[in-house]
Every structure is written in C-alpha cells, then in structure tokens.
C-alpha cells in the first residue's frame, strides 16, 4: 500500500483537492467524503497513465500537519 497526501481546500460552493507529489492530479466534489473517494480514483488513474507513458511514478514524500494556535 502506498499513501499519497492530498490537500483539501474549501472552495466556497464545493471542496477541491490536489496531490503535491503528483502534479496535475486534482479534483473537486460537493462533500469531503465524495472528494476523498474521487481523489483515490484520480490518483490510481494518474499513476496508471504515468506507467502507460513510460514515466516514473513519484514516490510519496509530502507530509501535512495541523498546528493549533491560541486565537
């Protein structure tokens, strides 16, 4: 199993996401749950396309964290 980090952003009327380790792998959906599933499919499709093209598949290297601050 390989795990890629996705960055999810509130786009106002929906949610958008991208994969920092896979440039061009993006998606948007109405809910975060839908977006997570869509991005799983998008990552698989993106990697398959890279392999078909004979390109290297970038290894996951991006990490994300949240930091809590006093407001």
Protein backbone atom coordinates (compact mmCIF):
# COMPACT_ATOMS: atom_id res chain seq x y z
CA UNK A 1 0.00 0.00 0.00
CA UNK A 2 1.20 3.46 -0.88
CA UNK A 3 -0.19 6.60 0.72
CA UNK A 4 -0.21 9.97 -1.03
CA UNK A 5 -1.03 13.18 0.82
CA UNK A 6 -3.92 15.20 -0.57
CA UNK A 7 -4.54 18.83 0.27
CA UNK A 8 -8.23 19.65 0.64
CA UNK A 9 -9.47 23.22 0.35
CA UNK A 10 -12.89 24.75 0.90
CA UNK A 11 -13.67 26.33 -2.48
CA UNK A 12 -16.83 28.10 -1.31
CA UNK A 13 -19.52 26.13 -3.10
CA UNK A 14 -17.60 22.84 -3.03
CA UNK A 15 -14.30 21.27 -1.99
CA UNK A 16 -11.17 20.96 -4.11
CA UNK A 17 -8.05 18.85 -3.64
CA UNK A 18 -4.66 18.25 -5.18
CA UNK A 19 -1.78 15.82 -4.71
CA UNK A 20 1.52 17.68 -4.22
CA UNK A 21 3.55 14.61 -5.25
CA UNK A 22 1.55 14.10 -8.46
CA UNK A 23 1.39 17.42 -10.33
CA UNK A 24 -1.85 17.74 -12.29
CA UNK A 25 -3.77 15.29 -10.13
CA UNK A 26 -6.70 17.38 -8.90
CA UNK A 27 -10.37 17.03 -8.14
CA UNK A 28 -13.47 18.75 -6.81
CA UNK A 29 -16.67 17.49 -5.18
CA UNK A 30 -19.64 18.64 -3.12
CA UNK A 31 -18.50 16.97 0.11
CA UNK A 32 -15.19 15.99 1.66
CA UNK A 33 -16.27 12.34 1.70
CA UNK A 34 -17.02 12.41 -2.04
CA UNK A 35 -13.76 14.23 -2.66
CA UNK A 36 -11.69 11.65 -0.78
CA UNK A 37 -13.16 8.83 -2.92
CA UNK A 38 -12.74 10.86 -6.10
CA UNK A 39 -9.11 11.57 -5.26
CA UNK A 40 -8.40 7.89 -4.58
CA UNK A 41 -9.69 7.12 -8.06
CA UNK A 42 -7.82 10.10 -9.56
CA UNK A 43 -4.51 9.01 -8.01
CA UNK A 44 -4.93 5.45 -9.32
CA UNK A 45 -5.80 6.79 -12.79
CA UNK A 46 -2.91 9.27 -12.75
CA UNK A 47 -0.39 6.60 -11.77
CA UNK A 48 -1.74 4.23 -14.43
CA UNK A 49 -1.30 7.00 -17.03
CA UNK A 50 2.28 7.64 -15.95
CA UNK A 51 3.09 3.94 -16.29
CA UNK A 52 1.46 3.70 -19.73
CA UNK A 53 3.56 6.68 -20.84
CA UNK A 54 6.70 5.01 -19.51
CA UNK A 55 7.25 7.76 -16.94
CA UNK A 56 8.48 7.33 -13.40
CA UNK A 57 5.84 7.31 -10.68
CA UNK A 58 6.92 9.78 -7.99
CA UNK A 59 7.19 8.28 -4.56
CA UNK A 60 5.10 9.96 -1.89
CA UNK A 61 7.19 12.46 0.03
CA UNK A 62 4.81 15.23 1.11
CA UNK A 63 3.64 15.32 4.71
CA UNK A 64 0.88 17.52 6.11
CA UNK A 65 0.20 18.58 9.65
CA UNK A 66 -2.10 20.89 11.51
CA UNK A 67 -0.87 23.34 14.10
CA UNK A 68 -3.11 24.64 16.86
CA UNK A 69 -2.63 28.24 17.96
CA UNK A 70 -4.38 30.33 20.58
CA UNK A 71 -6.85 32.70 18.96
